Amino acid sequence: MADESCRTSRDIPGLVGRCSGINIKILKCGGLTEGLRMIHTARAHGLKLMLGCYSQTSMGNTAANSLGSLVDYIDLDSHLNLKDDPFVGCRFDDGYLINRDLPGLGVIHA
C-alpha cells in the first residue's frame, strides 16, 4: 500500500503498477471530499483501498469511518491512544467501528 506518497487524488495515477493499493488519511488529504475523490480515482485504476489515521481524535476517525463501506480495509484506531480525546464518536464493537445514531457525524463533545 502506498501511504505517505499518496496524499491526494492527483498522486494516484503515478502509483499505478507500483503498488496494489493506497492508504487514505482524511486528515492529510484535506477532508471527506478529497477522500471520496481518492476512492473513486483509485477504484478507476483497480487499486485496493484502506482508510488510515494519524493521531486523529474520535471526531476525525468517525468522519473517516463514514467512507468505510467504500474501502477494503479500515485502520482507524488512533483515538484510542489519546489520553484526553475531547470527543465521543464511533465505538468499537467486536473489532468493528460503529457510527452512533446521532445527527451529522454522530460526534459529541466529551
C-alpha atoms as a PDB file:
ATOM      1  CA  MET A   1       0.000   0.000   0.000  1.00  0.00           C
ATOM      2  CA  ALA A   2       1.185   3.466  -0.823  1.00  0.00           C
ATOM      3  CA  ASP A   3       0.961   5.561   2.310  1.00  0.00           C
ATOM      4  CA  GLU A   4       2.793   8.871   2.674  1.00  0.00           C
ATOM      5  CA  SER A   5       3.486   9.004  -1.081  1.00  0.00           C
ATOM      6  CA  CYS A   6      -0.246   9.291  -1.776  1.00  0.00           C
ATOM      7  CA  ARG A   7      -1.789  12.414  -0.276  1.00  0.00           C
ATOM      8  CA  THR A   8      -4.386  13.437  -2.887  1.00  0.00           C
ATOM      9  CA  SER A   9      -6.157  12.013  -5.923  1.00  0.00           C
ATOM     10  CA  ARG A  10      -3.558  13.672  -8.172  1.00  0.00           C
ATOM     11  CA  ASP A  11      -0.903  11.300  -6.779  1.00  0.00           C
ATOM     12  CA  ILE A  12      -2.762   8.119  -7.719  1.00  0.00           C
ATOM     13  CA  PRO A  13      -2.077   7.770 -11.487  1.00  0.00           C
ATOM     14  CA  GLY A  14       1.685   7.858 -10.847  1.00  0.00           C
ATOM     15  CA  LEU A  15       1.380   4.956  -8.409  1.00  0.00           C
ATOM     16  CA  VAL A  16      -0.397   2.564 -10.778  1.00  0.00           C
ATOM     17  CA  GLY A  17       1.766  -0.527 -11.306  1.00  0.00           C
ATOM     18  CA  ARG A  18       3.959   0.357  -8.334  1.00  0.00           C
ATOM     19  CA  CYS A  19       1.631  -0.775  -5.548  1.00  0.00           C
ATOM     20  CA  SER A  20      -1.575  -2.727  -5.060  1.00  0.00           C
ATOM     21  CA  GLY A  21      -3.426  -0.044  -3.130  1.00  0.00           C
ATOM     22  CA  ILE A  22      -3.420   3.237  -1.261  1.00  0.00           C
ATOM     23  CA  ASN A  23      -3.922   4.314   2.341  1.00  0.00           C
ATOM     24  CA  ILE A  24      -6.227   7.342   2.600  1.00  0.00           C
ATOM     25  CA  LYS A  25      -5.818   9.584   5.623  1.00  0.00           C
ATOM     26  CA  ILE A  26      -8.639  12.126   5.808  1.00  0.00           C
ATOM     27  CA  LEU A  27      -6.561  14.448   7.994  1.00  0.00           C
ATOM     28  CA  LYS A  28      -3.738  14.553   5.447  1.00  0.00           C
ATOM     29  CA  CYS A  29      -5.699  14.599   2.189  1.00  0.00           C
ATOM     30  CA  GLY A  30      -7.801  17.615   3.113  1.00  0.00           C
ATOM     31  CA  GLY A  31     -11.135  16.162   4.160  1.00  0.00           C
ATOM     32  CA  LEU A  32     -14.026  13.943   3.168  1.00  0.00           C
ATOM     33  CA  THR A  33     -14.496  15.420  -0.311  1.00  0.00           C
ATOM     34  CA  GLU A  34     -10.906  14.734  -1.345  1.00  0.00           C
ATOM     35  CA  GLY A  35     -11.068  11.346   0.373  1.00  0.00           C
ATOM     36  CA  LEU A  36     -14.082  10.430  -1.731  1.00  0.00           C
ATOM     37  CA  ARG A  37     -12.305  11.691  -4.862  1.00  0.00           C
ATOM     38  CA  MET A  38      -9.339   9.476  -3.969  1.00  0.00           C
ATOM     39  CA  ILE A  39     -11.609   6.465  -3.552  1.00  0.00           C
ATOM     40  CA  HIS A  40     -13.150   6.918  -6.997  1.00  0.00           C
ATOM     41  CA  THR A  41      -9.789   7.589  -8.659  1.00  0.00           C
ATOM     42  CA  ALA A  42      -8.145   4.560  -7.055  1.00  0.00           C
ATOM     43  CA  ARG A  43     -11.069   2.283  -7.961  1.00  0.00           C
ATOM     44  CA  ALA A  44     -10.894   3.516 -11.578  1.00  0.00           C
ATOM     45  CA  HIS A  45      -7.268   2.343 -11.597  1.00  0.00           C
ATOM     46  CA  GLY A  46      -8.059  -1.023  -9.975  1.00  0.00           C
ATOM     47  CA  LEU A  47      -6.341  -0.288  -6.666  1.00  0.00           C
ATOM     48  CA  LYS A  48      -7.251  -1.571  -3.212  1.00  0.00           C
ATOM     49  CA  LEU A  49      -8.200   0.970  -0.561  1.00  0.00           C
ATOM     50  CA  MET A  50      -7.516   1.435   3.106  1.00  0.00           C
ATOM     51  CA  LEU A  51      -8.663   4.195   5.452  1.00  0.00           C
ATOM     52  CA  GLY A  52      -5.926   5.061   7.899  1.00  0.00           C
ATOM     53  CA  CYS A  53      -5.305   7.717  10.507  1.00  0.00           C
ATOM     54  CA  TYR A  54      -2.535   9.742  12.056  1.00  0.00           C
ATOM     55  CA  SER A  55      -3.094  10.886  15.647  1.00  0.00           C
ATOM     56  CA  GLN A  56      -6.707  11.779  14.925  1.00  0.00           C
ATOM     57  CA  THR A  57      -9.335  12.311  17.578  1.00  0.00           C
ATOM     58  CA  SER A  58     -12.508  10.280  17.529  1.00  0.00           C
ATOM     59  CA  MET A  59     -14.076  13.109  15.507  1.00  0.00           C
ATOM     60  CA  GLY A  60     -11.609  12.599  12.658  1.00  0.00           C
ATOM     61  CA  ASN A  61     -11.861   8.830  12.787  1.00  0.00           C
ATOM     62  CA  THR A  62     -15.658   8.933  12.899  1.00  0.00           C
ATOM     63  CA  ALA A  63     -15.667  11.212   9.845  1.00  0.00           C
ATOM     64  CA  ALA A  64     -13.312   8.847   8.015  1.00  0.00           C
ATOM     65  CA  ASN A  65     -15.434   5.856   9.028  1.00  0.00           C
ATOM     66  CA  SER A  66     -18.376   7.389   7.164  1.00  0.00           C
ATOM     67  CA  LEU A  67     -16.497   6.332   3.991  1.00  0.00           C
ATOM     68  CA  GLY A  68     -15.791   2.864   5.378  1.00  0.00           C
ATOM     69  CA  SER A  69     -18.269   0.978   3.216  1.00  0.00           C
ATOM     70  CA  LEU A  70     -16.358   2.132   0.121  1.00  0.00           C
ATOM     71  CA  VAL A  71     -12.948   0.699   1.049  1.00  0.00           C
ATOM     72  CA  ASP A  72     -11.351  -2.699   1.546  1.00  0.00           C
ATOM     73  CA  TYR A  73      -9.601  -2.135   4.877  1.00  0.00           C
ATOM     74  CA  ILE A  74     -10.119   0.181   7.844  1.00  0.00           C
ATOM     75  CA  ASP A  75      -7.427   1.132  10.349  1.00  0.00           C
ATOM     76  CA  LEU A  76      -8.948   3.950  12.395  1.00  0.00           C
ATOM     77  CA  ASP A  77      -7.812   3.454  15.960  1.00  0.00           C
ATOM     78  CA  SER A  78      -5.566   6.421  16.781  1.00  0.00           C
ATOM     79  CA  HIS A  79      -8.171   7.992  19.057  1.00  0.00           C
ATOM     80  CA  LEU A  80      -7.762   5.031  21.414  1.00  0.00           C
ATOM     81  CA  ASN A  81      -4.194   6.222  22.098  1.00  0.00           C
ATOM     82  CA  LEU A  82      -5.252   9.719  23.157  1.00  0.00           C
ATOM     83  CA  LYS A  83      -5.329  10.419  26.863  1.00  0.00           C
ATOM     84  CA  ASP A  84      -7.793  13.309  26.579  1.00  0.00           C
ATOM     85  CA  ASP A  85      -9.841  12.867  23.404  1.00  0.00           C
ATOM     86  CA  PRO A  86     -12.271  15.815  23.529  1.00  0.00           C
ATOM     87  CA  PHE A  87     -14.900  13.953  21.500  1.00  0.00           C
ATOM     88  CA  VAL A  88     -17.008  10.822  21.628  1.00  0.00           C
ATOM     89  CA  GLY A  89     -17.593   9.360  18.194  1.00  0.00           C
ATOM     90  CA  CYS A  90     -17.805   5.897  16.705  1.00  0.00           C
ATOM     91  CA  ARG A  91     -17.476   2.994  19.080  1.00  0.00           C
ATOM     92  CA  PHE A  92     -15.760  -0.358  18.753  1.00  0.00           C
ATOM     93  CA  ASP A  93     -17.952  -3.429  18.844  1.00  0.00           C
ATOM     94  CA  ASP A  94     -16.245  -6.802  18.408  1.00  0.00           C
ATOM     95  CA  GLY A  95     -13.478  -5.251  16.290  1.00  0.00           C
ATOM     96  CA  TYR A  96     -15.786  -3.109  14.159  1.00  0.00           C
ATOM     97  CA  LEU A  97     -16.228   0.654  14.178  1.00  0.00           C
ATOM     98  CA  ILE A  98     -19.886   1.520  14.600  1.00  0.00           C
ATOM     99  CA  ASN A  99     -21.093   5.063  13.974  1.00  0.00           C
ATOM    100  CA  ARG A 100     -23.548   6.369  16.534  1.00  0.00           C
ATOM    101  CA  ASP A 101     -27.167   7.030  15.632  1.00  0.00           C
ATOM    102  CA  LEU A 102     -26.921  10.804  16.095  1.00  0.00           C
ATOM    103  CA  PRO A 103     -27.296  13.727  13.655  1.00  0.00           C
ATOM    104  CA  GLY A 104     -24.395  14.697  11.402  1.00  0.00           C
ATOM    105  CA  LEU A 105     -21.274  12.656  12.003  1.00  0.00           C
ATOM    106  CA  GLY A 106     -22.696  11.413  15.282  1.00  0.00           C
ATOM    107  CA  VAL A 107     -19.928  13.003  17.337  1.00  0.00           C
ATOM    108  CA  ILE A 108     -20.473  14.766  20.656  1.00  0.00           C
ATOM    109  CA  HIS A 109     -18.134  16.805  22.820  1.00  0.00           C
ATOM    110  CA  ALA A 110     -16.853  14.753  25.750  1.00  0.00           C
END
